[in-house]
Amino acid sequence: MGFGQLVTGPPGSGKTTYCVGMKRFLEMHGRRVAIVNLDPANDVAPYDAEVTIEDLITVDQVQEELGLGPNGAMIYCMEYLEKNADWLEEALKPLKETHYLIFDCPGQLELFNVHGSLRNVIRTMMNEWHYRLCTVHLTDSHLCCDPGKYVAALLTTLQAMLHLETPHVSVLSKIDIMDKYGELAFNLDYYADVMDLEYLVEHIGNDPRMAKYKKLTADLCEVIEDFGLVRFTPMAIEDEDTVRQVATLVDKSIGYSLNAHKGAKLHEDELRARAEAREGADEDDGFDLRDAVAPAPSIAEMSRNLEIHERYVARGEETSKD
């Protein structure tokens, strides 16, 4: 049985920083952790990934070979990963019993809200490969300063929960810097607990710029409240207490304990070595940029990939004729 968390959220919500911070926190508490990079556009990351999709395919490679834009290339990469899921299974096998896994996922919204490939890979991991996974969905807390953006964030989070169908912990990230973006109309608990949204609708109605959207906002808020699924946990990755709260929620959602996953428990000598390494490290040199990944083989060379390859090539040819 493998255990881990899938880190999702829009671009800029702090996913990569979260992965690094959560890894350090869990290691400090005796857990052996590995980061798995599932973002084919994350070519320079502040961590050493034990497994990275860039060994299979990259966005740059797809753009160069197929002439797709960044969004189309990202979707192609996820479809390619779905077709080659056995590569991921083999790459994770050495870590399954000995490491708690943190998956750094792409930030493109449609991948965890609409498109099916990432969801299908996750389902395969949970149902066929026997991993217990929780999705940690990050939302930048500064969106709370704008009622319209906050409602949009609620919808994005709700849609991700319904689409991925995994245990889910929703996080308001970067709460330590949200005061830079202005004052909140209500206290932070209101936004975290997603309390009576009628007050938010009235607040929007009092804004001359937003008044015309009051009815639309009211209907959207009604949908959110009818589901009653979205609640946020505020977190600053530098604050150990808030990180602990998120880690505890994730562990509870997947039934995790080191007694159930004994292979991931760090030995005393490992804990001592890591503590000494932290003490000897220069704070300014906390992380080194990961070495460049060797170029992957041609994305069209395997017969099982021809289906998606031909589909995208055919689209490109039709577009060029038009």
C-alpha atoms as a PDB file:
ATOM      1  CA  MET A   1       0.000   0.000   0.000  1.00  0.00           C
ATOM      2  CA  GLY A   2       1.334   3.410  -1.011  1.00  0.00           C
ATOM      3  CA  PHE A   3       0.392   6.766   0.505  1.00  0.00           C
ATOM      4  CA  GLY A   4       0.668  10.355  -0.638  1.00  0.00           C
ATOM      5  CA  GLN A   5      -0.896  13.676  -1.551  1.00  0.00           C
ATOM      6  CA  LEU A   6      -1.621  15.323  -4.891  1.00  0.00           C
ATOM      7  CA  VAL A   7      -0.890  19.048  -4.843  1.00  0.00           C
ATOM      8  CA  THR A   8      -3.132  20.992  -7.231  1.00  0.00           C
ATOM      9  CA  GLY A   9      -4.133  24.620  -7.701  1.00  0.00           C
ATOM     10  CA  PRO A  10      -3.968  27.480 -10.208  1.00  0.00           C
ATOM     11  CA  PRO A  11      -0.601  28.903 -11.330  1.00  0.00           C
ATOM     12  CA  GLY A  12       1.001  31.022  -8.613  1.00  0.00           C
ATOM     13  CA  SER A  13      -0.909  29.450  -5.738  1.00  0.00           C
ATOM     14  CA  GLY A  14       2.319  28.124  -4.203  1.00  0.00           C
ATOM     15  CA  LYS A  15       2.251  24.427  -5.157  1.00  0.00           C
ATOM     16  CA  THR A  16       5.996  23.935  -5.593  1.00  0.00           C
ATOM     17  CA  THR A  17       6.818  25.909  -2.446  1.00  0.00           C
ATOM     18  CA  TYR A  18       4.247  23.844  -0.576  1.00  0.00           C
ATOM     19  CA  CYS A  19       5.838  20.592  -1.782  1.00  0.00           C
ATOM     20  CA  VAL A  20       9.254  21.661  -0.495  1.00  0.00           C
ATOM     21  CA  GLY A  21       7.911  22.948   2.819  1.00  0.00           C
ATOM     22  CA  MET A  22       5.672  19.936   3.478  1.00  0.00           C
ATOM     23  CA  LYS A  23       8.512  17.560   2.650  1.00  0.00           C
ATOM     24  CA  ARG A  24      10.769  19.254   5.191  1.00  0.00           C
ATOM     25  CA  PHE A  25       8.040  19.287   7.826  1.00  0.00           C
ATOM     26  CA  LEU A  26       7.252  15.586   7.437  1.00  0.00           C
ATOM     27  CA  GLU A  27      10.941  14.645   7.474  1.00  0.00           C
ATOM     28  CA  MET A  28      11.391  16.601  10.691  1.00  0.00           C
ATOM     29  CA  HIS A  29       8.699  14.377  12.174  1.00  0.00           C
ATOM     30  CA  GLY A  30      10.305  11.118  11.139  1.00  0.00           C
ATOM     31  CA  ARG A  31       8.757  10.409   7.756  1.00  0.00           C
ATOM     32  CA  ARG A  32      10.741   9.497   4.635  1.00  0.00           C
ATOM     33  CA  VAL A  33       9.314  11.608   1.805  1.00  0.00           C
ATOM     34  CA  ALA A  34       9.784  11.704  -1.971  1.00  0.00           C
ATOM     35  CA  ILE A  35       8.538  14.419  -4.335  1.00  0.00           C
ATOM     36  CA  VAL A  36       7.132  13.268  -7.672  1.00  0.00           C
ATOM     37  CA  ASN A  37       7.025  15.939 -10.387  1.00  0.00           C
ATOM     38  CA  LEU A  38       3.998  15.495 -12.670  1.00  0.00           C
ATOM     39  CA  ASP A  39       4.348  18.948 -14.250  1.00  0.00           C
ATOM     40  CA  PRO A  40       6.052  18.608 -17.663  1.00  0.00           C
ATOM     41  CA  ALA A  41       6.627  22.381 -17.750  1.00  0.00           C
ATOM     42  CA  ASN A  42       8.352  22.542 -14.354  1.00  0.00           C
ATOM     43  CA  ASP A  43      11.867  22.328 -15.792  1.00  0.00           C
ATOM     44  CA  VAL A  44      13.564  24.264 -12.974  1.00  0.00           C
ATOM     45  CA  ALA A  45      12.302  23.339  -9.507  1.00  0.00           C
ATOM     46  CA  PRO A  46      13.788  23.990  -6.045  1.00  0.00           C
ATOM     47  CA  TYR A  47      13.841  20.302  -5.161  1.00  0.00           C
ATOM     48  CA  ASP A  48      15.299  16.999  -6.314  1.00  0.00           C
ATOM     49  CA  ALA A  49      12.401  14.923  -7.613  1.00  0.00           C
ATOM     50  CA  GLU A  50      12.731  11.169  -7.095  1.00  0.00           C
ATOM     51  CA  VAL A  51      10.483  10.711 -10.138  1.00  0.00           C
ATOM     52  CA  THR A  52       9.801  13.343 -12.792  1.00  0.00           C
ATOM     53  CA  ILE A  53       7.543  13.250 -15.825  1.00  0.00           C
ATOM     54  CA  GLU A  54      10.280  15.115 -17.696  1.00  0.00           C
ATOM     55  CA  ASP A  55      12.078  11.780 -18.058  1.00  0.00           C
ATOM     56  CA  LEU A  56       9.079  10.716 -20.145  1.00  0.00           C
ATOM     57  CA  ILE A  57       7.940  13.886 -21.906  1.00  0.00           C
ATOM     58  CA  THR A  58       8.205  17.676 -21.654  1.00  0.00           C
ATOM     59  CA  VAL A  59       6.106  20.591 -22.822  1.00  0.00           C
ATOM     60  CA  ASP A  60       9.075  22.085 -24.687  1.00  0.00           C
ATOM     61  CA  GLN A  61       9.568  18.842 -26.566  1.00  0.00           C
ATOM     62  CA  VAL A  62       5.913  18.684 -27.633  1.00  0.00           C
ATOM     63  CA  GLN A  63       5.907  22.332 -28.720  1.00  0.00           C
ATOM     64  CA  GLU A  64       9.013  21.793 -30.801  1.00  0.00           C
ATOM     65  CA  GLU A  65       7.930  18.522 -32.438  1.00  0.00           C
ATOM     66  CA  LEU A  66       4.216  19.203 -32.956  1.00  0.00           C
ATOM     67  CA  GLY A  67       4.060  22.984 -33.071  1.00  0.00           C
ATOM     68  CA  LEU A  68       1.450  23.199 -30.298  1.00  0.00           C
ATOM     69  CA  GLY A  69       1.047  26.142 -27.959  1.00  0.00           C
ATOM     70  CA  PRO A  70       1.774  25.798 -24.235  1.00  0.00           C
ATOM     71  CA  ASN A  71      -1.793  24.859 -23.241  1.00  0.00           C
ATOM     72  CA  GLY A  72      -2.228  22.297 -26.004  1.00  0.00           C
ATOM     73  CA  ALA A  73       1.204  20.860 -25.278  1.00  0.00           C
ATOM     74  CA  MET A  74       0.342  20.459 -21.601  1.00  0.00           C
ATOM     75  CA  ILE A  75      -2.862  18.574 -22.410  1.00  0.00           C
ATOM     76  CA  TYR A  76      -0.941  16.398 -24.876  1.00  0.00           C
ATOM     77  CA  CYS A  77       1.569  15.552 -22.138  1.00  0.00           C
ATOM     78  CA  MET A  78      -1.195  14.448 -19.777  1.00  0.00           C
ATOM     79  CA  GLU A  79      -2.781  12.286 -22.460  1.00  0.00           C
ATOM     80  CA  TYR A  80       0.643  10.835 -23.170  1.00  0.00           C
ATOM     81  CA  LEU A  81       1.129  10.068 -19.471  1.00  0.00           C
ATOM     82  CA  GLU A  82      -2.261   8.324 -19.385  1.00  0.00           C
ATOM     83  CA  LYS A  83      -1.260   6.160 -22.375  1.00  0.00           C
ATOM     84  CA  ASN A  84       2.073   5.360 -20.715  1.00  0.00           C
ATOM     85  CA  ALA A  85       0.831   4.934 -17.160  1.00  0.00           C
ATOM     86  CA  ASP A  86       2.928   1.771 -16.838  1.00  0.00           C
ATOM     87  CA  TRP A  87       6.024   4.006 -16.936  1.00  0.00           C
ATOM     88  CA  LEU A  88       4.774   5.844 -13.851  1.00  0.00           C
ATOM     89  CA  GLU A  89       3.874   2.592 -12.099  1.00  0.00           C
ATOM     90  CA  GLU A  90       7.386   1.209 -12.602  1.00  0.00           C
ATOM     91  CA  ALA A  91       9.006   4.480 -11.561  1.00  0.00           C
ATOM     92  CA  LEU A  92       7.017   4.558  -8.300  1.00  0.00           C
ATOM     93  CA  LYS A  93       7.487   0.884  -7.359  1.00  0.00           C
ATOM     94  CA  PRO A  94      10.843   1.366  -5.530  1.00  0.00           C
ATOM     95  CA  LEU A  95       9.237   4.149  -3.436  1.00  0.00           C
ATOM     96  CA  LYS A  96       5.843   2.628  -2.693  1.00  0.00           C
ATOM     97  CA  GLU A  97       6.667   0.869   0.574  1.00  0.00           C
ATOM     98  CA  THR A  98       9.492   3.122   1.736  1.00  0.00           C
ATOM     99  CA  HIS A  99       8.408   6.706   0.983  1.00  0.00           C
ATOM    100  CA  TYR A 100       5.437   8.970   1.547  1.00  0.00           C
ATOM    101  CA  LEU A 101       4.812  10.632  -1.832  1.00  0.00           C
ATOM    102  CA  ILE A 102       4.072  14.274  -2.655  1.00  0.00           C
ATOM    103  CA  PHE A 103       2.921  14.765  -6.248  1.00  0.00           C
ATOM    104  CA  ASP A 104       3.578  18.239  -7.685  1.00  0.00           C
ATOM    105  CA  CYS A 105       0.829  18.569 -10.313  1.00  0.00           C
ATOM    106  CA  PRO A 106       0.500  21.026 -13.226  1.00  0.00           C
ATOM    107  CA  GLY A 107      -1.297  24.314 -12.633  1.00  0.00           C
ATOM    108  CA  GLN A 108      -3.412  24.335 -15.797  1.00  0.00           C
ATOM    109  CA  LEU A 109      -6.997  24.558 -14.541  1.00  0.00           C
ATOM    110  CA  GLU A 110      -8.676  22.290 -17.073  1.00  0.00           C
ATOM    111  CA  LEU A 111      -6.407  19.381 -16.130  1.00  0.00           C
ATOM    112  CA  PHE A 112      -7.990  18.993 -12.691  1.00  0.00           C
ATOM    113  CA  ASN A 113     -11.375  20.566 -13.468  1.00  0.00           C
ATOM    114  CA  VAL A 114     -12.475  19.300 -16.898  1.00  0.00           C
ATOM    115  CA  HIS A 115      -9.968  17.157 -18.798  1.00  0.00           C
ATOM    116  CA  GLY A 116     -10.000  13.444 -18.027  1.00  0.00           C
ATOM    117  CA  SER A 117      -6.399  12.247 -18.377  1.00  0.00           C
ATOM    118  CA  LEU A 118      -5.006  13.326 -15.000  1.00  0.00           C
ATOM    119  CA  ARG A 119      -8.155  12.083 -13.277  1.00  0.00           C
ATOM    120  CA  ASN A 120      -7.835   8.714 -15.039  1.00  0.00           C
ATOM    121  CA  VAL A 121      -4.210   8.353 -13.979  1.00  0.00           C
ATOM    122  CA  ILE A 122      -5.187   9.112 -10.364  1.00  0.00           C
ATOM    123  CA  ARG A 123      -8.026   6.588 -10.493  1.00  0.00           C
ATOM    124  CA  THR A 124      -5.638   3.944 -11.819  1.00  0.00           C
ATOM    125  CA  MET A 125      -3.187   4.692  -9.012  1.00  0.00           C
ATOM    126  CA  MET A 126      -5.890   4.369  -6.361  1.00  0.00           C
ATOM    127  CA  ASN A 127      -7.962   1.483  -7.740  1.00  0.00           C
ATOM    128  CA  GLU A 128      -5.365  -0.694  -9.479  1.00  0.00           C
ATOM    129  CA  TRP A 129      -1.989   0.185  -7.946  1.00  0.00           C
ATOM    130  CA  HIS A 130      -3.395   0.499  -4.402  1.00  0.00           C
ATOM    131  CA  TYR A 131      -2.287   3.985  -3.410  1.00  0.00           C
ATOM    132  CA  ARG A 132      -4.201   6.024  -0.856  1.00  0.00           C
ATOM    133  CA  LEU A 133      -4.122   9.592  -2.115  1.00  0.00           C
ATOM    134  CA  CYS A 134      -5.537  12.913  -0.916  1.00  0.00           C
ATOM    135  CA  THR A 135      -5.756  16.007  -3.076  1.00  0.00           C
ATOM    136  CA  VAL A 136      -4.436  19.203  -1.474  1.00  0.00           C
ATOM    137  CA  HIS A 137      -5.913  22.049  -3.501  1.00  0.00           C
ATOM    138  CA  LEU A 138      -4.229  25.425  -2.980  1.00  0.00           C
ATOM    139  CA  THR A 139      -5.966  28.772  -3.439  1.00  0.00           C
ATOM    140  CA  ASP A 140      -4.056  32.036  -3.094  1.00  0.00           C
ATOM    141  CA  SER A 141      -5.519  33.840  -0.085  1.00  0.00           C
ATOM    142  CA  HIS A 142      -5.283  37.267  -1.729  1.00  0.00           C
ATOM    143  CA  LEU A 143      -8.378  36.301  -3.769  1.00  0.00           C
ATOM    144  CA  CYS A 144     -10.395  36.836  -0.593  1.00  0.00           C
ATOM    145  CA  CYS A 145      -9.768  40.586  -0.979  1.00  0.00           C
ATOM    146  CA  ASP A 146     -11.940  40.615  -4.112  1.00  0.00           C
ATOM    147  CA  PRO A 147     -15.451  39.128  -3.638  1.00  0.00           C
ATOM    148  CA  GLY A 148     -15.793  38.226  -7.314  1.00  0.00           C
ATOM    149  CA  LYS A 149     -12.454  36.406  -7.391  1.00  0.00           C
ATOM    150  CA  TYR A 150     -13.274  34.646  -4.146  1.00  0.00           C
ATOM    151  CA  VAL A 151     -16.511  33.248  -5.614  1.00  0.00           C
ATOM    152  CA  ALA A 152     -14.553  32.135  -8.692  1.00  0.00           C
ATOM    153  CA  ALA A 153     -12.034  30.396  -6.411  1.00  0.00           C
ATOM    154  CA  LEU A 154     -14.877  28.609  -4.620  1.00  0.00           C
ATOM    155  CA  LEU A 155     -16.246  27.352  -7.940  1.00  0.00           C
ATOM    156  CA  THR A 156     -12.802  26.207  -9.092  1.00  0.00           C
ATOM    157  CA  THR A 157     -12.248  24.326  -5.836  1.00  0.00           C
ATOM    158  CA  LEU A 158     -15.702  22.739  -5.916  1.00  0.00           C
ATOM    159  CA  GLN A 159     -15.251  21.659  -9.523  1.00  0.00           C
ATOM    160  CA  ALA A 160     -11.868  20.087  -8.715  1.00  0.00           C
ATOM    161  CA  MET A 161     -13.422  18.141  -5.824  1.00  0.00           C
ATOM    162  CA  LEU A 162     -16.229  16.807  -8.004  1.00  0.00           C
ATOM    163  CA  HIS A 163     -13.966  16.052 -10.969  1.00  0.00           C
ATOM    164  CA  LEU A 164     -11.069  14.249  -9.265  1.00  0.00           C
ATOM    165  CA  GLU A 165     -13.233  12.328  -6.770  1.00  0.00           C
ATOM    166  CA  THR A 166     -10.501  11.926  -4.150  1.00  0.00           C
ATOM    167  CA  PRO A 167     -10.317  12.849  -0.472  1.00  0.00           C
ATOM    168  CA  HIS A 168      -9.793  16.599  -0.562  1.00  0.00           C
ATOM    169  CA  VAL A 169      -8.173  19.238   1.645  1.00  0.00           C
ATOM    170  CA  SER A 170      -8.664  22.813   0.430  1.00  0.00           C
ATOM    171  CA  VAL A 171      -6.017  25.295   1.541  1.00  0.00           C
ATOM    172  CA  LEU A 172      -5.872  29.095   1.576  1.00  0.00           C
ATOM    173  CA  SER A 173      -2.160  29.623   0.954  1.00  0.00           C
ATOM    174  CA  LYS A 174       0.115  32.603   1.641  1.00  0.00           C
ATOM    175  CA  ILE A 175      -2.012  33.997   4.480  1.00  0.00           C
ATOM    176  CA  ASP A 176       1.127  35.627   5.877  1.00  0.00           C
ATOM    177  CA  ILE A 177       1.211  38.149   3.012  1.00  0.00           C
ATOM    178  CA  MET A 178      -2.478  38.672   2.243  1.00  0.00           C
ATOM    179  CA  ASP A 179      -2.520  42.028   4.081  1.00  0.00           C
ATOM    180  CA  LYS A 180      -0.469  43.443   1.197  1.00  0.00           C
ATOM    181  CA  TYR A 181      -3.517  43.183  -1.058  1.00  0.00           C
ATOM    182  CA  GLY A 182      -5.943  45.264   1.003  1.00  0.00           C
ATOM    183  CA  GLU A 183      -8.459  44.798   3.782  1.00  0.00           C
ATOM    184  CA  LEU A 184     -10.983  41.984   3.907  1.00  0.00           C
ATOM    185  CA  ALA A 185     -14.691  42.797   3.949  1.00  0.00           C
ATOM    186  CA  PHE A 186     -15.137  40.096   6.632  1.00  0.00           C
ATOM    187  CA  ASN A 187     -12.773  38.284   8.981  1.00  0.00           C
ATOM    188  CA  LEU A 188     -10.616  35.415   7.730  1.00  0.00           C
ATOM    189  CA  ASP A 189     -12.799  32.766   9.385  1.00  0.00           C
ATOM    190  CA  TYR A 190     -15.707  33.829   7.199  1.00  0.00           C
ATOM    191  CA  TYR A 191     -13.725  33.057   4.036  1.00  0.00           C
ATOM    192  CA  ALA A 192     -12.121  29.878   5.404  1.00  0.00           C
ATOM    193  CA  ASP A 193     -15.357  28.337   6.686  1.00  0.00           C
ATOM    194  CA  VAL A 194     -17.380  29.568   3.663  1.00  0.00           C
ATOM    195  CA  MET A 195     -20.093  30.916   5.942  1.00  0.00           C
ATOM    196  CA  ASP A 196     -23.422  32.402   4.853  1.00  0.00           C
ATOM    197  CA  LEU A 197     -22.584  33.710   1.384  1.00  0.00           C
ATOM    198  CA  GLU A 198     -25.618  35.998   1.335  1.00  0.00           C
ATOM    199  CA  TYR A 199     -23.524  38.578   3.173  1.00  0.00           C
ATOM    200  CA  LEU A 200     -20.989  38.431   0.353  1.00  0.00           C
ATOM    201  CA  VAL A 201     -23.731  38.867  -2.244  1.00  0.00           C
ATOM    202  CA  GLU A 202     -25.000  41.966  -0.418  1.00  0.00           C
ATOM    203  CA  HIS A 203     -21.470  43.322  -0.230  1.00  0.00           C
ATOM    204  CA  ILE A 204     -21.093  42.910  -3.999  1.00  0.00           C
ATOM    205  CA  GLY A 205     -24.462  44.628  -4.528  1.00  0.00           C
ATOM    206  CA  ASN A 206     -23.197  47.689  -2.658  1.00  0.00           C
ATOM    207  CA  ASP A 207     -20.284  48.050  -5.082  1.00  0.00           C
ATOM    208  CA  PRO A 208     -21.376  50.126  -8.143  1.00  0.00           C
ATOM    209  CA  ARG A 209     -18.909  48.240 -10.340  1.00  0.00           C
ATOM    210  CA  MET A 210     -20.240  44.824  -9.308  1.00  0.00           C
ATOM    211  CA  ALA A 211     -23.939  45.547  -8.702  1.00  0.00           C
ATOM    212  CA  LYS A 212     -24.983  44.296 -12.146  1.00  0.00           C
ATOM    213  CA  TYR A 213     -23.525  40.883 -11.304  1.00  0.00           C
ATOM    214  CA  LYS A 214     -25.429  40.544  -8.039  1.00  0.00           C
ATOM    215  CA  LYS A 215     -28.037  38.068  -9.305  1.00  0.00           C
ATOM    216  CA  LEU A 216     -25.420  35.943 -11.093  1.00  0.00           C
ATOM    217  CA  THR A 217     -23.282  35.913  -7.954  1.00  0.00           C
ATOM    218  CA  ALA A 218     -26.297  34.967  -5.829  1.00  0.00           C
ATOM    219  CA  ASP A 219     -27.093  32.006  -8.093  1.00  0.00           C
ATOM    220  CA  LEU A 220     -23.478  30.810  -8.082  1.00  0.00           C
ATOM    221  CA  CYS A 221     -23.310  31.090  -4.307  1.00  0.00           C
ATOM    222  CA  GLU A 222     -26.506  29.067  -4.031  1.00  0.00           C
ATOM    223  CA  VAL A 223     -24.891  26.259  -6.037  1.00  0.00           C
ATOM    224  CA  ILE A 224     -21.818  26.343  -3.780  1.00  0.00           C
ATOM    225  CA  GLU A 225     -23.925  26.240  -0.619  1.00  0.00           C
ATOM    226  CA  ASP A 226     -26.170  23.472  -1.961  1.00  0.00           C
ATOM    227  CA  PHE A 227     -23.144  21.197  -2.350  1.00  0.00           C
ATOM    228  CA  GLY A 228     -21.778  22.265   1.033  1.00  0.00           C
ATOM    229  CA  LEU A 229     -18.367  20.721   0.325  1.00  0.00           C
ATOM    230  CA  VAL A 230     -15.893  23.589   0.269  1.00  0.00           C
ATOM    231  CA  ARG A 231     -14.063  24.597   3.444  1.00  0.00           C
ATOM    232  CA  PHE A 232     -10.586  26.114   3.528  1.00  0.00           C
ATOM    233  CA  THR A 233      -7.697  25.625   5.923  1.00  0.00           C
ATOM    234  CA  PRO A 234      -5.545  28.804   6.130  1.00  0.00           C
ATOM    235  CA  MET A 235      -1.837  28.102   5.828  1.00  0.00           C
ATOM    236  CA  ALA A 236       1.507  29.898   5.589  1.00  0.00           C
ATOM    237  CA  ILE A 237       4.239  27.460   4.588  1.00  0.00           C
ATOM    238  CA  GLU A 238       6.681  29.153   7.004  1.00  0.00           C
ATOM    239  CA  ASP A 239       4.271  28.652   9.932  1.00  0.00           C
ATOM    240  CA  GLU A 240       4.774  25.194  11.435  1.00  0.00           C
ATOM    241  CA  ASP A 241       1.399  25.156  13.213  1.00  0.00           C
ATOM    242  CA  THR A 242      -0.613  25.754  10.040  1.00  0.00           C
ATOM    243  CA  VAL A 243       1.465  23.212   8.101  1.00  0.00           C
ATOM    244  CA  ARG A 244       0.851  20.680  10.880  1.00  0.00           C
ATOM    245  CA  GLN A 245      -2.875  21.308  10.643  1.00  0.00           C
ATOM    246  CA  VAL A 246      -2.879  20.580   6.908  1.00  0.00           C
ATOM    247  CA  ALA A 247      -0.696  17.484   7.354  1.00  0.00           C
ATOM    248  CA  THR A 248      -3.034  16.160  10.048  1.00  0.00           C
ATOM    249  CA  LEU A 249      -6.112  16.639   7.851  1.00  0.00           C
ATOM    250  CA  VAL A 250      -4.422  14.832   4.959  1.00  0.00           C
ATOM    251  CA  ASP A 251      -3.342  11.922   7.179  1.00  0.00           C
ATOM    252  CA  LYS A 252      -6.850  11.543   8.588  1.00  0.00           C
ATOM    253  CA  SER A 253      -8.420  11.586   5.129  1.00  0.00           C
ATOM    254  CA  ILE A 254      -6.332   8.618   3.919  1.00  0.00           C
ATOM    255  CA  GLY A 255      -5.927   6.808   7.234  1.00  0.00           C
ATOM    256  CA  TYR A 256      -2.171   7.331   7.347  1.00  0.00           C
ATOM    257  CA  SER A 257       0.150   6.472  10.198  1.00  0.00           C
ATOM    258  CA  LEU A 258       3.761   5.377  10.367  1.00  0.00           C
ATOM    259  CA  ASN A 259       2.575   2.149  11.987  1.00  0.00           C
ATOM    260  CA  ALA A 260       0.633   1.370   8.810  1.00  0.00           C
ATOM    261  CA  HIS A 261       3.537   2.476   6.599  1.00  0.00           C
ATOM    262  CA  LYS A 262       6.526   1.304   8.615  1.00  0.00           C
ATOM    263  CA  GLY A 263       8.943   1.399   5.681  1.00  0.00           C
ATOM    264  CA  ALA A 264       8.648   5.202   5.555  1.00  0.00           C
ATOM    265  CA  LYS A 265       9.773   5.687   9.135  1.00  0.00           C
ATOM    266  CA  LEU A 266      13.179   7.352   9.385  1.00  0.00           C
ATOM    267  CA  HIS A 267      15.727   5.669  11.629  1.00  0.00           C
ATOM    268  CA  GLU A 268      17.414   7.590  14.427  1.00  0.00           C
ATOM    269  CA  ASP A 269      20.706   7.878  12.534  1.00  0.00           C
ATOM    270  CA  GLU A 270      18.851   9.285   9.498  1.00  0.00           C
ATOM    271  CA  LEU A 271      17.044  11.828  11.664  1.00  0.00           C
ATOM    272  CA  ARG A 272      20.327  12.845  13.279  1.00  0.00           C
ATOM    273  CA  ALA A 273      22.045  13.238   9.898  1.00  0.00           C
ATOM    274  CA  ARG A 274      19.209  15.373   8.526  1.00  0.00           C
ATOM    275  CA  ALA A 275      19.222  17.574  11.633  1.00  0.00           C
ATOM    276  CA  GLU A 276      22.973  18.114  11.303  1.00  0.00           C
ATOM    277  CA  ALA A 277      22.587  18.920   7.611  1.00  0.00           C
ATOM    278  CA  ARG A 278      19.955  21.570   8.392  1.00  0.00           C
ATOM    279  CA  GLU A 279      22.126  23.119  11.069  1.00  0.00           C
ATOM    280  CA  GLY A 280      25.132  23.269   8.750  1.00  0.00           C
ATOM    281  CA  ALA A 281      23.245  24.632   5.746  1.00  0.00           C
ATOM    282  CA  ASP A 282      23.398  28.314   4.878  1.00  0.00           C
ATOM    283  CA  GLU A 283      19.917  29.815   5.074  1.00  0.00           C
ATOM    284  CA  ASP A 284      20.516  31.607   1.772  1.00  0.00           C
ATOM    285  CA  ASP A 285      21.335  28.309   0.090  1.00  0.00           C
ATOM    286  CA  GLY A 286      18.252  26.436   1.212  1.00  0.00           C
ATOM    287  CA  PHE A 287      17.664  24.770  -2.115  1.00  0.00           C
ATOM    288  CA  ASP A 288      19.743  24.096  -5.190  1.00  0.00           C
ATOM    289  CA  LEU A 289      18.179  24.228  -8.642  1.00  0.00           C
ATOM    290  CA  ARG A 290      17.665  20.757 -10.004  1.00  0.00           C
ATOM    291  CA  ASP A 291      20.080  19.673 -12.730  1.00  0.00           C
ATOM    292  CA  ALA A 292      18.798  19.847 -16.272  1.00  0.00           C
ATOM    293  CA  VAL A 293      16.920  16.738 -17.349  1.00  0.00           C
ATOM    294  CA  ALA A 294      18.345  14.702 -20.187  1.00  0.00           C
ATOM    295  CA  PRO A 295      16.282  14.962 -23.383  1.00  0.00           C
ATOM    296  CA  ALA A 296      13.546  12.341 -23.660  1.00  0.00           C
ATOM    297  CA  PRO A 297      13.088  10.131 -26.748  1.00  0.00           C
ATOM    298  CA  SER A 298      10.846  11.145 -29.607  1.00  0.00           C
ATOM    299  CA  ILE A 299       7.218  11.294 -28.501  1.00  0.00           C
ATOM    300  CA  ALA A 300       6.018   9.602 -31.695  1.00  0.00           C
ATOM    301  CA  GLU A 301       8.297   6.561 -31.618  1.00  0.00           C
ATOM    302  CA  MET A 302       6.017   4.135 -29.722  1.00  0.00           C
ATOM    303  CA  SER A 303       3.035   2.579 -31.484  1.00  0.00           C
ATOM    304  CA  ARG A 304       0.699   2.934 -28.513  1.00  0.00           C
ATOM    305  CA  ASN A 305       1.127   6.717 -28.672  1.00  0.00           C
ATOM    306  CA  LEU A 306       0.106   7.008 -32.309  1.00  0.00           C
ATOM    307  CA  GLU A 307      -3.551   7.526 -31.436  1.00  0.00           C
ATOM    308  CA  ILE A 308      -2.998  10.829 -29.667  1.00  0.00           C
ATOM    309  CA  HIS A 309      -0.087  11.763 -31.923  1.00  0.00           C
ATOM    310  CA  GLU A 310      -2.129  11.369 -35.117  1.00  0.00           C
ATOM    311  CA  ARG A 311      -5.062  13.214 -33.606  1.00  0.00           C
ATOM    312  CA  TYR A 312      -2.960  16.283 -32.865  1.00  0.00           C
ATOM    313  CA  VAL A 313      -1.049  16.103 -36.144  1.00  0.00           C
ATOM    314  CA  ALA A 314      -4.310  15.807 -38.074  1.00  0.00           C
ATOM    315  CA  ARG A 315      -5.673  18.869 -36.316  1.00  0.00           C
ATOM    316  CA  GLY A 316      -2.549  20.795 -37.172  1.00  0.00           C
ATOM    317  CA  GLU A 317      -2.750  19.851 -40.836  1.00  0.00           C
ATOM    318  CA  GLU A 318      -6.429  20.834 -41.036  1.00  0.00           C
ATOM    319  CA  THR A 319      -5.633  24.202 -39.456  1.00  0.00           C
ATOM    320  CA  SER A 320      -2.796  24.861 -41.894  1.00  0.00           C
ATOM    321  CA  LYS A 321      -5.069  24.083 -44.877  1.00  0.00           C
ATOM    322  CA  ASP A 322      -7.665  26.541 -43.609  1.00  0.00           C
END
